[in-house]
Amino acid sequence: MSKVRFNDDFKRDAVAQITERGYPVAEVSQRLGVSQHSLYAWKKKFSQPSGGNDKDAEIRQLKRELARVTEERDILKKATAYFARDAK
């Protein structure tokens, strides 16, 4: 089995999908055909230092969480309306 070598640009793009776009490591790993272990190693190597980006990272994480919670709320509203309609 031959070992595939990825260039640094490919690795940085893969890390960006995880850190900036918020995709799960498992999904990126499967989509790109690399191991999760490699992605974690690349993330450690290519991630930006956490000096001034802590607030930016927190904001991105909070926005993702807000979007998830808003979607859950909308689903629950629709379910409530559906079941209230059936109860009449």
N, C-alpha and C. Protein backbone atom coordinates (compact mmCIF):
# COMPACT_ATOMS: atom_id res chain seq x y z
N MET A 1 0.84 -1.16 0.00
CA MET A 1 0.00 0.00 0.00
C MET A 1 0.90 1.23 0.00
N SER A 2 0.72 2.12 -0.97
CA SER A 2 1.57 3.30 -1.04
C SER A 2 1.01 4.40 -0.16
N LYS A 3 1.91 5.19 0.36
CA LYS A 3 1.53 6.26 1.25
C LYS A 3 1.35 7.54 0.44
N VAL A 4 0.20 8.18 0.59
CA VAL A 4 -0.10 9.40 -0.15
C VAL A 4 0.44 10.58 0.65
N ARG A 5 1.12 11.48 -0.05
CA ARG A 5 1.64 12.70 0.59
C ARG A 5 0.78 13.88 0.16
N PHE A 6 0.33 14.65 1.13
CA PHE A 6 -0.48 15.82 0.86
C PHE A 6 0.37 17.07 1.05
N ASN A 7 0.19 18.05 0.18
CA ASN A 7 0.96 19.28 0.32
C ASN A 7 0.37 20.15 1.44
N ASP A 8 1.13 21.16 1.85
CA ASP A 8 0.72 22.00 2.97
C ASP A 8 -0.56 22.78 2.68
N ASP A 9 -0.78 23.17 1.43
CA ASP A 9 -2.01 23.89 1.09
C ASP A 9 -3.24 23.02 1.31
N PHE A 10 -3.14 21.76 0.91
CA PHE A 10 -4.24 20.82 1.12
C PHE A 10 -4.52 20.66 2.62
N LYS A 11 -3.45 20.53 3.39
CA LYS A 11 -3.59 20.35 4.83
C LYS A 11 -4.22 21.58 5.48
N ARG A 12 -3.78 22.76 5.07
CA ARG A 12 -4.35 24.00 5.63
C ARG A 12 -5.83 24.13 5.28
N ASP A 13 -6.19 23.77 4.05
CA ASP A 13 -7.60 23.82 3.65
C ASP A 13 -8.44 22.84 4.48
N ALA A 14 -7.89 21.66 4.72
CA ALA A 14 -8.61 20.67 5.53
C ALA A 14 -8.81 21.20 6.95
N VAL A 15 -7.78 21.80 7.52
CA VAL A 15 -7.87 22.36 8.87
C VAL A 15 -8.88 23.50 8.90
N ALA A 16 -8.90 24.32 7.85
CA ALA A 16 -9.84 25.44 7.79
C ALA A 16 -11.28 24.94 7.78
N GLN A 17 -11.54 23.80 7.14
CA GLN A 17 -12.90 23.25 7.13
C GLN A 17 -13.35 22.91 8.55
N ILE A 18 -12.40 22.49 9.37
CA ILE A 18 -12.72 22.11 10.75
C ILE A 18 -12.83 23.34 11.64
N THR A 19 -11.82 24.20 11.57
CA THR A 19 -11.74 25.30 12.52
C THR A 19 -12.59 26.50 12.13
N GLU A 20 -12.63 26.83 10.86
CA GLU A 20 -13.34 28.04 10.44
C GLU A 20 -14.77 27.78 10.01
N ARG A 21 -14.98 26.68 9.32
CA ARG A 21 -16.33 26.39 8.81
C ARG A 21 -17.14 25.51 9.74
N GLY A 22 -16.48 24.92 10.73
CA GLY A 22 -17.18 24.18 11.76
C GLY A 22 -17.62 22.77 11.40
N TYR A 23 -17.04 22.19 10.36
CA TYR A 23 -17.40 20.81 10.02
C TYR A 23 -16.77 19.85 11.02
N PRO A 24 -17.45 18.75 11.33
CA PRO A 24 -16.88 17.75 12.24
C PRO A 24 -15.67 17.07 11.61
N VAL A 25 -14.72 16.68 12.44
CA VAL A 25 -13.51 16.03 11.96
C VAL A 25 -13.85 14.74 11.22
N ALA A 26 -14.80 13.98 11.74
CA ALA A 26 -15.17 12.71 11.10
C ALA A 26 -15.68 12.93 9.67
N GLU A 27 -16.50 13.97 9.50
CA GLU A 27 -17.05 14.25 8.17
C GLU A 27 -15.96 14.67 7.19
N VAL A 28 -15.08 15.56 7.63
CA VAL A 28 -13.99 16.02 6.76
C VAL A 28 -13.07 14.87 6.43
N SER A 29 -12.79 14.04 7.41
CA SER A 29 -11.93 12.88 7.22
C SER A 29 -12.50 11.95 6.14
N GLN A 30 -13.77 11.66 6.24
CA GLN A 30 -14.41 10.77 5.27
C GLN A 30 -14.46 11.40 3.88
N ARG A 31 -14.80 12.68 3.84
CA ARG A 31 -14.94 13.36 2.55
C ARG A 31 -13.61 13.47 1.82
N LEU A 32 -12.53 13.74 2.57
CA LEU A 32 -11.23 13.94 1.93
C LEU A 32 -10.41 12.65 1.80
N GLY A 33 -10.84 11.62 2.49
CA GLY A 33 -10.13 10.35 2.41
C GLY A 33 -8.83 10.33 3.20
N VAL A 34 -8.82 11.02 4.33
CA VAL A 34 -7.65 11.01 5.22
C VAL A 34 -8.11 10.56 6.60
N SER A 35 -7.16 10.10 7.40
CA SER A 35 -7.55 9.63 8.72
C SER A 35 -7.83 10.79 9.66
N GLN A 36 -8.65 10.52 10.66
CA GLN A 36 -8.95 11.54 11.66
C GLN A 36 -7.68 11.91 12.42
N HIS A 37 -6.83 10.92 12.64
CA HIS A 37 -5.56 11.17 13.33
C HIS A 37 -4.73 12.20 12.56
N SER A 38 -4.67 12.06 11.24
CA SER A 38 -3.92 13.02 10.42
C SER A 38 -4.52 14.41 10.54
N LEU A 39 -5.85 14.50 10.51
CA LEU A 39 -6.49 15.80 10.61
C LEU A 39 -6.19 16.48 11.94
N TYR A 40 -6.22 15.72 13.03
CA TYR A 40 -5.90 16.30 14.33
C TYR A 40 -4.44 16.76 14.37
N ALA A 41 -3.54 15.98 13.77
CA ALA A 41 -2.13 16.38 13.73
C ALA A 41 -1.95 17.65 12.89
N TRP A 42 -2.63 17.72 11.75
CA TRP A 42 -2.55 18.91 10.90
C TRP A 42 -3.14 20.12 11.63
N LYS A 43 -4.22 19.88 12.35
CA LYS A 43 -4.86 20.97 13.10
C LYS A 43 -3.89 21.53 14.13
N LYS A 44 -3.20 20.65 14.81
CA LYS A 44 -2.23 21.08 15.81
C LYS A 44 -1.09 21.85 15.16
N LYS A 45 -0.67 21.40 13.98
CA LYS A 45 0.45 22.02 13.28
C LYS A 45 0.08 23.35 12.62
N PHE A 46 -1.09 23.42 11.99
CA PHE A 46 -1.44 24.57 11.16
C PHE A 46 -2.44 25.54 11.78
N SER A 47 -3.00 25.21 12.92
CA SER A 47 -3.94 26.13 13.54
C SER A 47 -3.22 27.41 13.93
N GLN A 48 -3.95 28.49 13.81
CA GLN A 48 -3.37 29.78 14.16
C GLN A 48 -3.17 29.83 15.66
N PRO A 49 -2.13 30.54 16.10
CA PRO A 49 -1.94 30.67 17.55
C PRO A 49 -3.17 31.31 18.18
N SER A 50 -3.48 30.90 19.36
CA SER A 50 -4.72 31.35 20.00
C SER A 50 -4.56 32.68 20.73
N GLY A 51 -3.61 33.46 20.36
CA GLY A 51 -3.37 34.75 21.01
C GLY A 51 -4.56 35.68 20.94
N GLY A 52 -4.90 36.21 19.76
CA GLY A 52 -5.98 37.16 19.63
C GLY A 52 -7.23 36.56 19.03
N ASN A 53 -7.19 35.31 18.67
CA ASN A 53 -8.32 34.69 17.99
C ASN A 53 -9.28 34.00 18.94
N ASP A 54 -9.02 34.08 20.24
CA ASP A 54 -9.91 33.43 21.19
C ASP A 54 -11.32 34.00 21.11
N LYS A 55 -11.41 35.31 21.01
CA LYS A 55 -12.73 35.93 20.93
C LYS A 55 -13.41 35.59 19.61
N ASP A 56 -12.65 35.59 18.52
CA ASP A 56 -13.22 35.24 17.22
C ASP A 56 -13.72 33.80 17.22
N ALA A 57 -12.93 32.91 17.80
CA ALA A 57 -13.33 31.50 17.86
C ALA A 57 -14.57 31.34 18.72
N GLU A 58 -14.63 32.06 19.82
CA GLU A 58 -15.80 31.97 20.69
C GLU A 58 -17.04 32.51 19.99
N ILE A 59 -16.89 33.60 19.25
CA ILE A 59 -18.01 34.17 18.51
C ILE A 59 -18.52 33.18 17.47
N ARG A 60 -17.60 32.55 16.72
CA ARG A 60 -18.00 31.55 15.72
C ARG A 60 -18.73 30.39 16.37
N GLN A 61 -18.21 29.93 17.51
CA GLN A 61 -18.83 28.80 18.21
C GLN A 61 -20.22 29.19 18.71
N LEU A 62 -20.36 30.39 19.24
CA LEU A 62 -21.65 30.83 19.74
C LEU A 62 -22.66 31.02 18.61
N LYS A 63 -22.20 31.50 17.45
CA LYS A 63 -23.10 31.63 16.30
C LYS A 63 -23.58 30.26 15.82
N ARG A 64 -22.69 29.28 15.80
CA ARG A 64 -23.10 27.92 15.41
C ARG A 64 -24.12 27.37 16.39
N GLU A 65 -23.87 27.58 17.68
CA GLU A 65 -24.80 27.09 18.70
C GLU A 65 -26.14 27.79 18.59
N LEU A 66 -26.14 29.11 18.34
CA LEU A 66 -27.37 29.86 18.18
C LEU A 66 -28.18 29.33 17.00
N ALA A 67 -27.51 29.06 15.89
CA ALA A 67 -28.20 28.54 14.71
C ALA A 67 -28.83 27.18 15.01
N ARG A 68 -28.09 26.32 15.74
CA ARG A 68 -28.61 25.00 16.08
C ARG A 68 -29.83 25.12 16.99
N VAL A 69 -29.75 25.96 18.01
CA VAL A 69 -30.84 26.12 18.96
C VAL A 69 -32.06 26.75 18.28
N THR A 70 -31.83 27.70 17.39
CA THR A 70 -32.94 28.32 16.66
C THR A 70 -33.64 27.28 15.79
N GLU A 71 -32.87 26.42 15.14
CA GLU A 71 -33.47 25.37 14.31
C GLU A 71 -34.29 24.40 15.17
N GLU A 72 -33.74 24.03 16.33
CA GLU A 72 -34.48 23.15 17.23
C GLU A 72 -35.78 23.80 17.70
N ARG A 73 -35.73 25.08 18.01
CA ARG A 73 -36.93 25.80 18.45
C ARG A 73 -37.99 25.80 17.36
N ASP A 74 -37.57 26.07 16.11
CA ASP A 74 -38.51 26.09 15.00
C ASP A 74 -39.16 24.73 14.78
N ILE A 75 -38.38 23.68 14.92
CA ILE A 75 -38.91 22.32 14.78
C ILE A 75 -39.95 22.05 15.86
N LEU A 76 -39.64 22.45 17.09
CA LEU A 76 -40.58 22.24 18.19
C LEU A 76 -41.86 23.05 18.01
N LYS A 77 -41.74 24.26 17.48
CA LYS A 77 -42.94 25.07 17.21
C LYS A 77 -43.83 24.37 16.19
N LYS A 78 -43.24 23.84 15.14
CA LYS A 78 -44.01 23.15 14.10
C LYS A 78 -44.66 21.90 14.66
N ALA A 79 -43.92 21.17 15.50
CA ALA A 79 -44.47 19.96 16.09
C ALA A 79 -45.64 20.28 17.02
N THR A 80 -45.51 21.33 17.79
CA THR A 80 -46.57 21.75 18.69
C THR A 80 -47.82 22.12 17.92
N ALA A 81 -47.66 22.87 16.85
CA ALA A 81 -48.81 23.26 16.02
C ALA A 81 -49.46 22.03 15.39
N TYR A 82 -48.65 21.09 14.96
CA TYR A 82 -49.16 19.87 14.32
C TYR A 82 -50.00 19.06 15.31
N PHE A 83 -49.45 18.84 16.52
CA PHE A 83 -50.15 18.03 17.49
C PHE A 83 -51.35 18.77 18.06
N ALA A 84 -51.31 20.08 18.17
CA ALA A 84 -52.46 20.85 18.66
C ALA A 84 -53.61 20.76 17.65
N ARG A 85 -53.27 20.73 16.38
CA ARG A 85 -54.28 20.62 15.32
C ARG A 85 -54.97 19.26 15.39
N ASP A 86 -54.20 18.20 15.66
CA ASP A 86 -54.76 16.85 15.75
C ASP A 86 -55.61 16.66 17.00
N ALA A 87 -55.36 17.41 18.06
CA ALA A 87 -56.06 17.24 19.32
C ALA A 87 -57.49 17.79 19.27
N LYS A 88 -57.78 18.67 18.32
CA LYS A 88 -59.10 19.30 18.25
C LYS A 88 -60.14 18.39 17.71
